[in-house]
Amino acid sequence: MMRVVTAVALATALAAGAEELKVKVLPGEGWWGGATVYGTKAPYGLKTSAVDFDIRKMNYENQAVPLLVSTKGRSVWSDKAFACTLADGVLTFTGDAPIVLATEGKDLRTAFLAAAKKHFPASGKVPDLALVAKPQWNTWIELTYNQNQGDILAYAKAIKANGFPEGGVIMIDDTWQYGYGIWQFDPRRFSDPKAMCDELHSLGYKVMLWVCPFVSMDSPGYREMVFGTRDAGRHCEKGGLVMCKEKTVYGQGFAKPTAWWNGVSAILDLTHPLGAAWFARELKRLQDDFGVDGFKLDAGDIDEFQPPYVTYRAASPSELCEAYAKIGLEFPLNEYRACFKMGGQPLVQRLCDKGHNWAAVQQLVPDMINCGLMGHSFVCPDMIGGGSWMAFMPDAPMPFDPELFVRSAQAHALAPMMQFSAAPWRMLKGEHLEAVRAAAWTRMKFADYILSVAKDSAKSGEPMLRAMEYEFPGEGAERLTDQFMLGSKLLVAPQVVKGAKTRTVFIPSGTWTADDGSVVTGPKTVEVETPLSRLPYFTKK
């Protein structure tokens, strides 16, 4: 008989032996890590003097890793989630497993590589490089809760018709399916999904489907995992959902209801072999039956796994989040927004949905830098212009800003990945549309280089997108998080300030050729013009 332990009992036992570590921040020392969305505060101790997060309780809608690395060659690691505060020049860590300070490096890069080698070594594998080679296209903003075959095909065909690079990846978002945990195309919206996938393939696209770890509580999957009953009256072994602590009606165990943005559902326990097998079986069936290539694996946030509950392996919320991420290893074409640990693996990590505002655009580069320094090489910014569909509607609460859309696209163009959702040809015209189109083609100009960086990162474990301090330690770039290196030879400095016509760029040591053909020898700081059409970048000779 299977033994289960409640999360409450586990938490009580761990609290008695809680671990704590205090680390005094050295003069001139800055730290990155912990939670992706704290990128704008990093480096902690240099850019900001106070930090407070607890990744035992939540992942802040994005990636969380029990790791911090510093510009002075130090790192902090734990095998389990911890809380971290920075106050009065002291970092305090609290967790349920040993928290270790290591001094194995001399700078940010060597500290990161030493931690990675020990705790999350590079797998040597890349995700499907279709995600990197060309811009991605996600159907969410255009179709929201009306995903349907006709409009998806029209969207795909409009890409080439409007002068954007054709081919790559089409992500079909939420409501293609019949229900949550009922991973069948909704026949009311998809008359022939196999023909749709075949046509998208003929246009040069790979097809991804949105999925989540939620299961409607009146669905066949729910009955199978809770009662051991499949359709047509067949019986099977039961298990695979996060369960209520107490037995309920008829003495049966019932799945724990979980509130999320689309309602209340059961949630998969992917530490349970039956839960993992059920989910993988459902996804692979979609590949076999319809030619689907991969999956956008949404949700699975730490805060969605709220105790009290019963799981197969007495898993903490962060461990359940980690188990969800491991499913992606079976599907090279994948995307996650929520993740715990899993550094060094071929998993694509997208920044969380951001609003249509300038603060959100200014967060893109710092968050991608932070994500990379947490072990996630293959990072994708949020959807261009933001992930809030309401911002792109005629009655949007805030007016649409075409300049913001352009600058967002430019920030994406030479990042590890570039993802559209709102159709530029619907939202823009004139110079704004042309600037966004040019950003997409700038990516194509560097496609071979970006692909080579992805392959190298898979082997080395280094971030594709890097802080200036990571690549050029000791040159005075510790606080710079509004420009970045892609690999070791391409410096990118997008304009992210509304109305600004110039920006300063730090040029590190070496000789660099700018996008306008000028040659600069560093280290020095230069002022560059940033008309709407320009994305400043510099290639190292």
Protein backbone atom coordinates (compact mmCIF):
# COMPACT_ATOMS: atom_id res chain seq x y z
CA MET A 1 0.00 0.00 0.00
CA MET A 2 1.30 3.43 -0.94
CA ARG A 3 2.43 5.62 1.98
CA VAL A 4 1.56 9.32 1.84
CA VAL A 5 2.59 12.19 4.08
CA THR A 6 0.76 15.51 4.27
CA ALA A 7 2.62 18.68 3.38
CA VAL A 8 1.58 20.19 6.71
CA ALA A 9 3.25 17.36 8.65
CA LEU A 10 6.32 17.73 6.48
CA ALA A 11 6.50 21.49 7.01
CA THR A 12 6.13 21.06 10.77
CA ALA A 13 8.95 18.55 10.89
CA LEU A 14 11.24 20.74 8.80
CA ALA A 15 10.49 23.90 10.76
CA ALA A 16 12.01 22.34 13.84
CA GLY A 17 15.32 21.95 12.04
CA ALA A 18 15.24 25.09 9.89
CA GLU A 19 18.56 26.19 8.45
CA GLU A 20 19.86 29.74 8.44
CA LEU A 21 22.86 31.40 6.83
CA LYS A 22 24.01 35.01 7.15
CA VAL A 23 26.41 36.48 4.60
CA LYS A 24 27.92 39.94 4.97
CA VAL A 25 28.05 41.71 1.62
CA LEU A 26 31.62 42.70 0.77
CA PRO A 27 32.51 46.26 -0.29
CA GLY A 28 31.63 46.67 -3.96
CA GLU A 29 29.92 43.28 -4.12
CA GLY A 30 26.68 42.67 -6.04
CA TRP A 31 24.51 39.56 -6.21
CA TRP A 32 22.11 38.03 -8.73
CA GLY A 33 19.69 35.10 -8.54
CA GLY A 34 16.85 33.65 -6.49
CA ALA A 35 13.86 34.81 -8.53
CA THR A 36 13.85 36.03 -12.13
CA VAL A 37 11.49 38.96 -11.51
CA TYR A 38 14.01 40.54 -9.13
CA GLY A 39 16.24 41.33 -12.10
CA THR A 40 15.51 45.05 -11.84
CA LYS A 41 16.86 45.02 -8.27
CA ALA A 42 20.05 43.17 -9.23
CA PRO A 43 22.85 43.27 -8.53
CA TYR A 44 21.59 43.19 -4.96
CA GLY A 45 23.85 45.23 -2.73
CA LEU A 46 24.99 47.50 -5.56
CA LYS A 47 21.89 48.54 -7.46
CA THR A 48 19.55 48.10 -4.49
CA SER A 49 20.25 47.78 -0.78
CA ALA A 50 17.14 45.78 0.20
CA VAL A 51 15.70 42.50 -1.08
CA ASP A 52 13.02 40.24 0.39
CA PHE A 53 11.70 37.08 -1.29
CA ASP A 54 10.62 33.60 -0.24
CA ILE A 55 10.71 30.97 -2.98
CA ARG A 56 9.39 28.32 -0.58
CA LYS A 57 5.99 29.97 -0.94
CA MET A 58 5.98 31.37 -4.48
CA ASN A 59 8.00 31.71 -7.66
CA TYR A 60 6.73 35.23 -8.37
CA GLU A 61 5.13 34.08 -11.66
CA ASN A 62 8.49 33.05 -13.11
CA GLN A 63 11.61 31.00 -12.48
CA ALA A 64 12.95 30.44 -8.96
CA VAL A 65 16.26 28.82 -8.02
CA PRO A 66 17.91 28.48 -4.57
CA LEU A 67 21.07 30.13 -5.89
CA LEU A 68 22.75 33.52 -5.61
CA VAL A 69 26.04 34.43 -7.31
CA SER A 70 28.21 37.49 -6.73
CA THR A 71 30.61 39.77 -8.55
CA LYS A 72 33.28 38.81 -5.99
CA GLY A 73 33.31 35.13 -6.93
CA ARG A 74 30.99 33.86 -4.19
CA SER A 75 27.80 31.83 -4.42
CA VAL A 76 25.05 30.56 -2.11
CA TRP A 77 23.19 27.32 -2.85
CA SER A 78 20.67 25.02 -1.21
CA ASP A 79 19.08 21.85 -2.53
CA LYS A 80 15.69 23.15 -1.39
CA ALA A 81 13.86 26.44 -1.61
CA PHE A 82 14.75 29.24 0.79
CA ALA A 83 13.78 32.73 1.88
CA CYS A 84 16.26 35.55 1.32
CA THR A 85 16.45 39.07 2.72
CA LEU A 86 19.05 41.76 2.28
CA ALA A 87 19.12 44.46 4.94
CA ASP A 88 21.89 46.55 6.48
CA GLY A 89 24.49 44.93 4.25
CA VAL A 90 23.69 41.37 5.34
CA LEU A 91 22.06 38.62 3.30
CA THR A 92 20.01 36.27 5.46
CA PHE A 93 18.85 32.91 4.10
CA THR A 94 16.32 30.63 5.79
CA GLY A 95 15.36 27.22 4.51
CA ASP A 96 14.67 23.56 5.20
CA ALA A 97 17.98 22.16 3.96
CA PRO A 98 21.61 23.16 4.40
CA ILE A 99 22.44 26.52 2.79
CA VAL A 100 26.07 26.72 1.71
CA LEU A 101 28.32 29.69 0.95
CA ALA A 102 31.03 28.86 -1.61
CA THR A 103 34.08 30.99 -2.46
CA GLU A 104 35.31 29.08 -5.48
CA GLY A 105 35.47 31.94 -8.00
CA LYS A 106 37.17 35.25 -8.49
CA ASP A 107 34.38 37.08 -10.31
CA LEU A 108 30.77 36.67 -11.46
CA ARG A 109 31.56 34.30 -14.31
CA THR A 110 33.77 31.92 -12.36
CA ALA A 111 31.36 31.92 -9.41
CA PHE A 112 28.49 30.98 -11.72
CA LEU A 113 30.41 28.29 -13.59
CA ALA A 114 31.64 26.69 -10.35
CA ALA A 115 28.09 26.60 -8.95
CA ALA A 116 26.69 25.27 -12.22
CA LYS A 117 29.27 22.50 -12.47
CA LYS A 118 28.47 21.35 -8.95
CA HIS A 119 24.70 21.80 -8.76
CA PHE A 120 23.20 21.95 -12.28
CA PRO A 121 25.75 20.81 -14.88
CA ALA A 122 25.03 21.50 -18.53
CA SER A 123 23.15 18.70 -20.23
CA GLY A 124 24.74 19.35 -23.61
CA LYS A 125 21.26 19.34 -25.14
CA VAL A 126 19.41 22.21 -26.79
CA PRO A 127 15.66 22.69 -27.01
CA ASP A 128 14.23 22.58 -30.52
CA LEU A 129 16.19 25.27 -32.33
CA ALA A 130 13.16 26.33 -34.32
CA LEU A 131 12.42 28.44 -31.25
CA VAL A 132 15.72 30.27 -31.72
CA ALA A 133 16.19 30.45 -35.47
CA LYS A 134 13.22 32.71 -36.29
CA PRO A 135 10.64 34.85 -34.50
CA GLN A 136 7.94 32.87 -32.68
CA TRP A 137 4.24 33.56 -33.16
CA ASN A 138 1.76 33.05 -30.33
CA THR A 139 -1.99 33.26 -31.01
CA TRP A 140 -3.06 34.46 -27.55
CA ILE A 141 -3.41 38.21 -28.06
CA GLU A 142 -5.19 37.91 -31.40
CA LEU A 143 -7.65 35.13 -30.49
CA THR A 144 -7.68 35.00 -26.66
CA TYR A 145 -10.46 32.59 -25.61
CA ASN A 146 -11.56 31.95 -29.18
CA GLN A 147 -8.76 29.83 -30.58
CA ASN A 148 -10.06 28.35 -33.82
CA GLN A 149 -8.80 26.67 -36.95
CA GLY A 150 -9.74 29.35 -39.49
CA ASP A 151 -8.26 32.30 -37.64
CA ILE A 152 -5.07 30.42 -36.75
CA LEU A 153 -4.41 29.64 -40.41
CA ALA A 154 -5.23 33.22 -41.38
CA TYR A 155 -2.77 34.51 -38.76
CA ALA A 156 -0.02 32.23 -40.05
CA LYS A 157 -0.57 33.29 -43.66
CA ALA A 158 -0.62 36.98 -42.73
CA ILE A 159 2.95 36.77 -41.40
CA LYS A 160 4.51 36.40 -44.85
CA ALA A 161 1.88 38.62 -46.50
CA ASN A 162 2.95 41.49 -44.24
CA GLY A 163 6.66 41.11 -44.92
CA PHE A 164 7.78 39.22 -41.81
CA PRO A 165 10.03 36.14 -41.85
CA GLU A 166 7.92 33.10 -42.65
CA GLY A 167 8.26 29.83 -40.75
CA GLY A 168 9.44 29.02 -37.26
CA VAL A 169 6.96 28.24 -34.53
CA ILE A 170 3.22 28.84 -34.11
CA MET A 171 1.97 28.54 -30.52
CA ILE A 172 -1.76 27.85 -30.28
CA ASP A 173 -2.86 29.14 -26.91
CA ASP A 174 -5.57 28.34 -24.33
CA THR A 175 -9.05 27.14 -25.45
CA TRP A 176 -7.96 25.05 -28.41
CA GLN A 177 -8.85 22.16 -26.11
CA TYR A 178 -12.21 20.77 -25.09
CA GLY A 179 -11.50 21.35 -21.39
CA TYR A 180 -8.73 21.54 -18.81
CA GLY A 181 -7.29 18.05 -18.63
CA ILE A 182 -9.42 17.06 -21.64
CA TRP A 183 -6.66 17.41 -24.19
CA GLN A 184 -8.78 17.03 -27.30
CA PHE A 185 -9.28 19.69 -29.96
CA ASP A 186 -12.65 21.35 -29.44
CA PRO A 187 -14.69 20.14 -32.45
CA ARG A 188 -16.79 23.33 -32.34
CA ARG A 189 -13.70 25.33 -33.30
CA PHE A 190 -11.50 22.82 -35.12
CA SER A 191 -13.17 20.89 -37.91
CA ASP A 192 -9.99 19.07 -38.96
CA PRO A 193 -7.03 19.70 -36.63
CA LYS A 194 -4.80 17.21 -38.45
CA ALA A 195 -5.32 19.10 -41.71
CA MET A 196 -4.61 22.37 -39.88
CA CYS A 197 -1.31 21.06 -38.51
CA ASP A 198 -0.39 19.68 -41.93
CA GLU A 199 -1.04 23.06 -43.55
CA LEU A 200 0.98 24.91 -40.92
CA HIS A 201 3.83 22.46 -41.51
CA SER A 202 3.62 23.11 -45.26
CA LEU A 203 4.05 26.84 -44.52
CA GLY A 204 7.24 26.09 -42.59
CA TYR A 205 5.88 26.22 -39.03
CA LYS A 206 6.19 23.82 -36.14
CA VAL A 207 3.06 23.66 -33.99
CA MET A 208 2.95 24.07 -30.22
CA LEU A 209 -0.16 23.71 -28.06
CA TRP A 210 -0.85 25.43 -24.75
CA VAL A 211 -1.31 22.97 -21.86
CA CYS A 212 -1.40 23.21 -18.07
CA PRO A 213 -1.29 20.80 -15.08
CA PHE A 214 -4.94 21.43 -14.16
CA VAL A 215 -7.66 18.81 -14.53
CA SER A 216 -11.36 19.62 -14.49
CA MET A 217 -13.04 17.78 -11.63
CA ASP A 218 -15.77 16.25 -13.78
CA SER A 219 -13.50 14.98 -16.56
CA PRO A 220 -12.41 11.48 -17.63
CA GLY A 221 -8.85 12.20 -16.46
CA TYR A 222 -10.11 13.10 -13.00
CA ARG A 223 -12.15 9.91 -12.73
CA GLU A 224 -9.22 7.84 -13.89
CA MET A 225 -6.74 9.25 -11.38
CA VAL A 226 -9.11 9.54 -8.39
CA PHE A 227 -11.37 6.51 -8.82
CA GLY A 228 -9.32 4.31 -11.12
CA THR A 229 -12.07 4.38 -13.75
CA ARG A 230 -11.53 5.10 -17.42
CA ASP A 231 -14.20 5.71 -20.03
CA ALA A 232 -16.18 2.65 -21.18
CA GLY A 233 -16.14 1.28 -17.63
CA ARG A 234 -12.56 0.03 -17.63
CA HIS A 235 -10.71 0.07 -14.33
CA CYS A 236 -7.08 1.00 -13.80
CA GLU A 237 -4.71 1.84 -10.99
CA LYS A 238 -5.57 5.21 -9.46
CA GLY A 239 -3.37 8.11 -8.40
CA GLY A 240 -1.71 11.15 -9.94
CA LEU A 241 -3.48 14.19 -8.47
CA VAL A 242 -2.70 16.37 -5.46
CA MET A 243 -5.23 15.11 -2.90
CA CYS A 244 -7.20 16.55 -0.02
CA LYS A 245 -5.79 15.86 3.40
CA GLU A 246 -9.08 14.46 4.66
CA LYS A 247 -11.25 11.83 3.03
CA THR A 248 -14.63 13.17 1.99
CA VAL A 249 -17.93 11.87 0.61
CA TYR A 250 -18.42 8.07 0.62
CA GLY A 251 -15.07 7.65 2.35
CA GLN A 252 -13.27 8.27 -0.92
CA GLY A 253 -10.19 10.43 -1.36
CA PHE A 254 -10.83 13.52 -3.46
CA ALA A 255 -8.45 15.81 -5.27
CA LYS A 256 -7.71 19.14 -3.65
CA PRO A 257 -9.56 21.97 -5.43
CA THR A 258 -7.06 24.58 -6.63
CA ALA A 259 -8.03 28.13 -7.54
CA TRP A 260 -6.31 29.61 -10.57
CA TRP A 261 -6.97 32.32 -13.15
CA ASN A 262 -9.52 30.27 -15.12
CA GLY A 263 -11.47 28.79 -12.22
CA VAL A 264 -11.09 25.92 -9.75
CA SER A 265 -9.60 22.58 -10.80
CA ALA A 266 -7.67 19.60 -9.56
CA ILE A 267 -3.91 19.75 -10.12
CA LEU A 268 -1.54 17.02 -11.23
CA ASP A 269 0.89 15.45 -8.78
CA LEU A 270 3.77 14.86 -11.16
CA THR A 271 5.91 13.28 -8.46
CA HIS A 272 3.45 10.38 -8.77
CA PRO A 273 4.43 7.99 -11.57
CA LEU A 274 0.78 7.64 -12.61
CA GLY A 275 0.28 11.42 -12.84
CA ALA A 276 3.44 11.87 -14.90
CA ALA A 277 2.54 8.92 -17.13
CA TRP A 278 -1.03 10.15 -17.67
CA PHE A 279 0.11 13.64 -18.69
CA ALA A 280 2.89 12.39 -20.97
CA ARG A 281 0.48 9.91 -22.57
CA GLU A 282 -2.03 12.64 -23.32
CA LEU A 283 0.60 14.91 -24.87
CA LYS A 284 2.21 12.18 -26.95
CA ARG A 285 -1.21 11.18 -28.26
CA LEU A 286 -1.62 14.72 -29.61
CA GLN A 287 1.69 14.34 -31.39
CA ASP A 288 0.78 10.94 -32.82
CA ASP A 289 -2.77 11.78 -33.86
CA PHE A 290 -2.39 15.32 -35.17
CA GLY A 291 1.29 15.96 -35.81
CA VAL A 292 1.65 18.47 -32.97
CA ASP A 293 5.34 19.23 -32.45
CA GLY A 294 5.52 20.49 -28.86
CA PHE A 295 3.92 22.28 -25.96
CA LYS A 296 3.70 25.57 -24.12
CA LEU A 297 3.52 24.29 -20.53
CA ASP A 298 1.83 27.07 -18.60
CA ALA A 299 1.00 27.43 -14.88
CA GLY A 300 2.45 25.03 -12.29
CA ASP A 301 3.40 27.91 -10.00
CA ILE A 302 4.63 27.20 -6.49
CA ASP A 303 1.79 29.20 -4.95
CA GLU A 304 -0.79 27.04 -6.77
CA PHE A 305 0.26 24.07 -4.62
CA GLN A 306 -1.18 25.27 -1.34
CA PRO A 307 -1.12 22.98 1.73
CA PRO A 308 -2.73 21.18 3.36
CA TYR A 309 -2.58 18.41 0.79
CA VAL A 310 -1.37 14.85 0.25
CA THR A 311 1.16 13.94 -2.41
CA TYR A 312 2.90 10.76 -3.47
CA ARG A 313 6.32 11.79 -2.19
CA ALA A 314 5.38 14.32 0.50
CA ALA A 315 6.50 16.97 -1.95
CA SER A 316 6.83 20.62 -1.04
CA PRO A 317 5.22 23.22 -3.35
CA SER A 318 8.58 23.97 -4.97
CA GLU A 319 9.24 20.27 -5.56
CA LEU A 320 5.86 19.91 -7.29
CA CYS A 321 6.78 22.86 -9.50
CA GLU A 322 10.10 21.17 -10.30
CA ALA A 323 8.36 17.91 -11.16
CA TYR A 324 6.19 19.78 -13.67
CA ALA A 325 9.30 21.20 -15.33
CA LYS A 326 10.77 17.72 -15.75
CA ILE A 327 7.89 16.77 -18.07
CA GLY A 328 9.35 19.21 -20.61
CA LEU A 329 12.47 17.09 -20.95
CA GLU A 330 10.40 14.63 -23.00
CA PHE A 331 9.49 17.34 -25.52
CA PRO A 332 12.33 19.30 -27.16
CA LEU A 333 9.82 21.91 -28.38
CA ASN A 334 8.78 23.35 -25.02
CA GLU A 335 8.18 26.57 -23.15
CA TYR A 336 7.77 27.28 -19.41
CA ARG A 337 6.85 30.40 -17.50
CA ALA A 338 6.99 28.87 -13.99
CA CYS A 339 9.92 26.71 -12.94
CA PHE A 340 11.90 25.65 -9.89
CA LYS A 341 15.57 24.70 -10.31
CA MET A 342 16.26 22.70 -13.56
CA GLY A 343 19.24 24.85 -14.58
CA GLY A 344 21.44 23.46 -17.34
CA GLN A 345 18.53 21.64 -18.99
CA PRO A 346 17.09 22.14 -22.52
CA LEU A 347 14.01 23.95 -21.26
CA VAL A 348 12.83 27.27 -22.66
CA GLN A 349 11.97 29.77 -19.94
CA ARG A 350 9.74 32.72 -20.89
CA LEU A 351 9.51 35.87 -18.83
CA CYS A 352 6.14 36.28 -17.16
CA ASP A 353 3.31 38.23 -18.80
CA LYS A 354 3.99 41.91 -18.42
CA GLY A 355 1.79 44.94 -18.85
CA HIS A 356 1.76 47.31 -21.81
CA ASN A 357 3.85 50.00 -20.13
CA TRP A 358 7.37 51.35 -20.21
CA ALA A 359 8.34 49.94 -16.82
CA ALA A 360 7.62 46.49 -18.22
CA VAL A 361 9.81 47.09 -21.28
CA GLN A 362 12.60 48.29 -18.99
CA GLN A 363 12.31 45.05 -17.02
CA LEU A 364 12.98 42.75 -19.98
CA VAL A 365 16.78 42.93 -20.13
CA PRO A 366 17.43 42.86 -16.34
CA ASP A 367 15.09 39.88 -15.92
CA MET A 368 16.72 37.96 -18.77
CA ILE A 369 20.15 38.61 -17.25
CA ASN A 370 18.94 37.35 -13.88
CA CYS A 371 17.30 34.29 -15.43
CA GLY A 372 20.55 33.35 -17.16
CA LEU A 373 22.51 33.68 -13.93
CA MET A 374 20.06 31.21 -12.36
CA GLY A 375 21.10 28.54 -14.87
CA HIS A 376 18.49 29.05 -17.60
CA SER A 377 20.37 29.67 -20.84
CA PHE A 378 17.36 29.49 -23.14
CA VAL A 379 15.34 32.51 -22.08
CA CYS A 380 12.52 34.14 -24.04
CA PRO A 381 11.26 37.64 -23.27
CA ASP A 382 7.55 38.19 -22.75
CA MET A 383 5.33 38.65 -25.80
CA ILE A 384 6.24 41.78 -27.75
CA GLY A 385 4.33 44.75 -26.34
CA GLY A 386 3.25 42.79 -23.26
CA GLY A 387 1.13 39.76 -22.54
CA SER A 388 -2.08 41.49 -21.46
CA TRP A 389 -4.63 40.96 -24.25
CA MET A 390 -6.84 43.78 -23.00
CA ALA A 391 -4.14 46.32 -23.88
CA PHE A 392 -4.62 45.52 -27.56
CA MET A 393 -8.39 45.88 -27.68
CA PRO A 394 -10.22 48.98 -29.04
CA ASP A 395 -11.61 49.71 -25.56
CA ALA A 396 -8.31 49.13 -23.72
CA PRO A 397 -8.13 50.84 -20.30
CA MET A 398 -4.86 52.50 -21.32
CA PRO A 399 -4.16 53.78 -24.84
CA PHE A 400 -2.00 51.59 -27.06
CA ASP A 401 1.51 53.02 -27.48
CA PRO A 402 3.06 52.23 -30.90
CA GLU A 403 6.49 53.51 -29.80
CA LEU A 404 6.45 51.08 -26.87
CA PHE A 405 5.63 48.21 -29.23
CA VAL A 406 8.60 49.12 -31.44
CA ARG A 407 11.05 49.35 -28.55
CA SER A 408 9.76 46.09 -27.11
CA ALA A 409 10.33 44.37 -30.47
CA GLN A 410 13.86 45.76 -30.61
CA ALA A 411 14.60 44.47 -27.10
CA HIS A 412 13.51 41.03 -28.32
CA ALA A 413 15.24 41.05 -31.68
CA LEU A 414 18.70 39.95 -30.56
CA ALA A 415 17.68 38.18 -27.37
CA PRO A 416 17.92 34.39 -27.32
CA MET A 417 14.31 34.31 -28.60
CA MET A 418 11.76 36.71 -30.06
CA GLN A 419 8.02 36.17 -29.62
CA PHE A 420 5.14 38.01 -31.28
CA SER A 421 1.50 37.65 -30.28
CA ALA A 422 -0.33 40.89 -31.08
CA ALA A 423 -0.16 41.13 -34.86
CA PRO A 424 2.06 44.10 -35.78
CA TRP A 425 0.10 44.67 -39.01
CA ARG A 426 -3.11 45.07 -36.98
CA MET A 427 -1.68 47.39 -34.35
CA LEU A 428 0.77 49.52 -36.34
CA LYS A 429 1.19 51.48 -39.54
CA GLY A 430 3.79 53.60 -41.25
CA GLU A 431 7.19 54.02 -39.62
CA HIS A 432 6.18 52.01 -36.55
CA LEU A 433 5.26 48.94 -38.57
CA GLU A 434 8.39 49.27 -40.66
CA ALA A 435 10.58 49.52 -37.53
CA VAL A 436 9.10 46.33 -36.09
CA ARG A 437 9.46 44.53 -39.41
CA ALA A 438 13.11 45.67 -39.53
CA ALA A 439 13.69 44.31 -36.01
CA ALA A 440 12.46 40.89 -37.12
CA TRP A 441 14.78 40.90 -40.11
CA THR A 442 17.69 42.04 -37.94
CA ARG A 443 17.21 38.80 -36.06
CA MET A 444 17.40 36.87 -39.31
CA LYS A 445 20.67 38.64 -40.13
CA PHE A 446 22.18 37.18 -36.95
CA ALA A 447 20.33 33.84 -37.05
CA ASP A 448 23.43 31.70 -37.62
CA TYR A 449 25.31 33.44 -34.82
CA ILE A 450 22.37 33.11 -32.40
CA LEU A 451 22.09 29.40 -33.19
CA SER A 452 25.81 28.93 -32.55
CA VAL A 453 25.50 30.68 -29.18
CA ALA A 454 22.61 28.36 -28.24
CA LYS A 455 24.63 25.26 -29.11
CA ASP A 456 27.68 26.51 -27.24
CA SER A 457 25.59 27.37 -24.17
CA ALA A 458 24.11 23.87 -24.11
CA LYS A 459 27.63 22.47 -23.78
CA SER A 460 29.19 25.07 -21.48
CA GLY A 461 26.16 25.89 -19.31
CA GLU A 462 26.84 29.61 -19.76
CA PRO A 463 23.92 31.97 -20.31
CA MET A 464 23.21 32.89 -23.91
CA LEU A 465 22.34 36.43 -22.74
CA ARG A 466 24.93 37.80 -20.33
CA ALA A 467 25.45 40.73 -18.03
CA MET A 468 28.28 43.03 -19.10
CA GLU A 469 29.97 42.27 -15.78
CA TYR A 470 29.83 38.54 -16.56
CA GLU A 471 31.73 38.89 -19.83
CA PHE A 472 33.98 41.84 -18.86
CA PRO A 473 34.67 41.72 -15.10
CA GLY A 474 36.49 44.58 -13.49
CA GLU A 475 35.77 47.13 -16.22
CA GLY A 476 33.20 49.09 -14.24
CA ALA A 477 30.03 47.52 -15.63
CA GLU A 478 28.74 45.97 -12.39
CA ARG A 479 25.54 48.02 -12.30
CA LEU A 480 24.72 47.94 -16.00
CA THR A 481 21.56 45.98 -16.75
CA ASP A 482 20.05 47.93 -19.67
CA GLN A 483 22.47 46.45 -22.23
CA PHE A 484 23.72 42.90 -22.64
CA MET A 485 26.02 40.51 -24.41
CA LEU A 486 24.61 37.75 -26.57
CA GLY A 487 27.43 35.25 -26.44
CA SER A 488 30.89 36.79 -26.39
CA LYS A 489 30.83 38.85 -29.60
CA LEU A 490 27.53 40.73 -29.84
CA LEU A 491 26.72 43.70 -27.58
CA VAL A 492 23.09 44.87 -27.68
CA ALA A 493 21.83 48.16 -26.23
CA PRO A 494 18.10 48.64 -26.94
CA GLN A 495 16.39 51.95 -26.28
CA VAL A 496 13.77 51.47 -23.55
CA VAL A 497 12.94 55.05 -22.53
CA LYS A 498 9.85 56.71 -23.99
CA GLY A 499 10.65 59.53 -26.37
CA ALA A 500 14.40 59.26 -25.92
CA LYS A 501 16.51 60.01 -29.00
CA THR A 502 19.90 59.05 -27.55
CA ARG A 503 21.33 56.66 -24.99
CA THR A 504 24.72 55.93 -23.44
CA VAL A 505 26.40 52.61 -24.16
CA PHE A 506 29.34 51.13 -22.30
CA ILE A 507 31.86 49.72 -24.78
CA PRO A 508 34.15 47.18 -23.08
CA SER A 509 37.75 46.45 -23.99
CA GLY A 510 38.41 45.49 -27.59
CA THR A 511 37.49 46.85 -31.00
CA TRP A 512 33.80 46.94 -31.89
CA THR A 513 31.85 47.71 -35.07
CA ALA A 514 28.49 49.39 -34.53
CA ASP A 515 25.30 48.75 -36.48
CA ASP A 516 25.90 52.03 -38.34
CA GLY A 517 29.38 50.92 -39.44
CA SER A 518 31.37 53.09 -37.02
CA VAL A 519 34.27 51.51 -35.15
CA VAL A 520 34.83 52.02 -31.42
CA THR A 521 37.70 50.87 -29.21
CA GLY A 522 36.94 50.33 -25.55
CA PRO A 523 36.73 50.53 -22.71
CA LYS A 524 34.76 53.74 -22.96
CA THR A 525 31.23 55.09 -22.74
CA VAL A 526 29.68 56.52 -25.88
CA GLU A 527 26.48 58.38 -26.67
CA VAL A 528 24.53 56.92 -29.59
CA GLU A 529 21.52 58.25 -31.45
CA THR A 530 18.37 56.14 -31.20
CA PRO A 531 15.78 57.19 -33.73
CA LEU A 532 12.70 55.00 -33.76
CA SER A 533 14.17 52.77 -36.46
CA ARG A 534 17.44 52.00 -34.66
CA LEU A 535 18.45 49.10 -32.45
CA PRO A 536 22.04 49.84 -31.40
CA TYR A 537 24.38 46.85 -31.44
CA PHE A 538 28.11 46.29 -31.65
CA THR A 539 30.03 43.28 -32.91
CA LYS A 540 33.49 42.47 -31.57
CA LYS A 541 36.32 42.05 -34.04
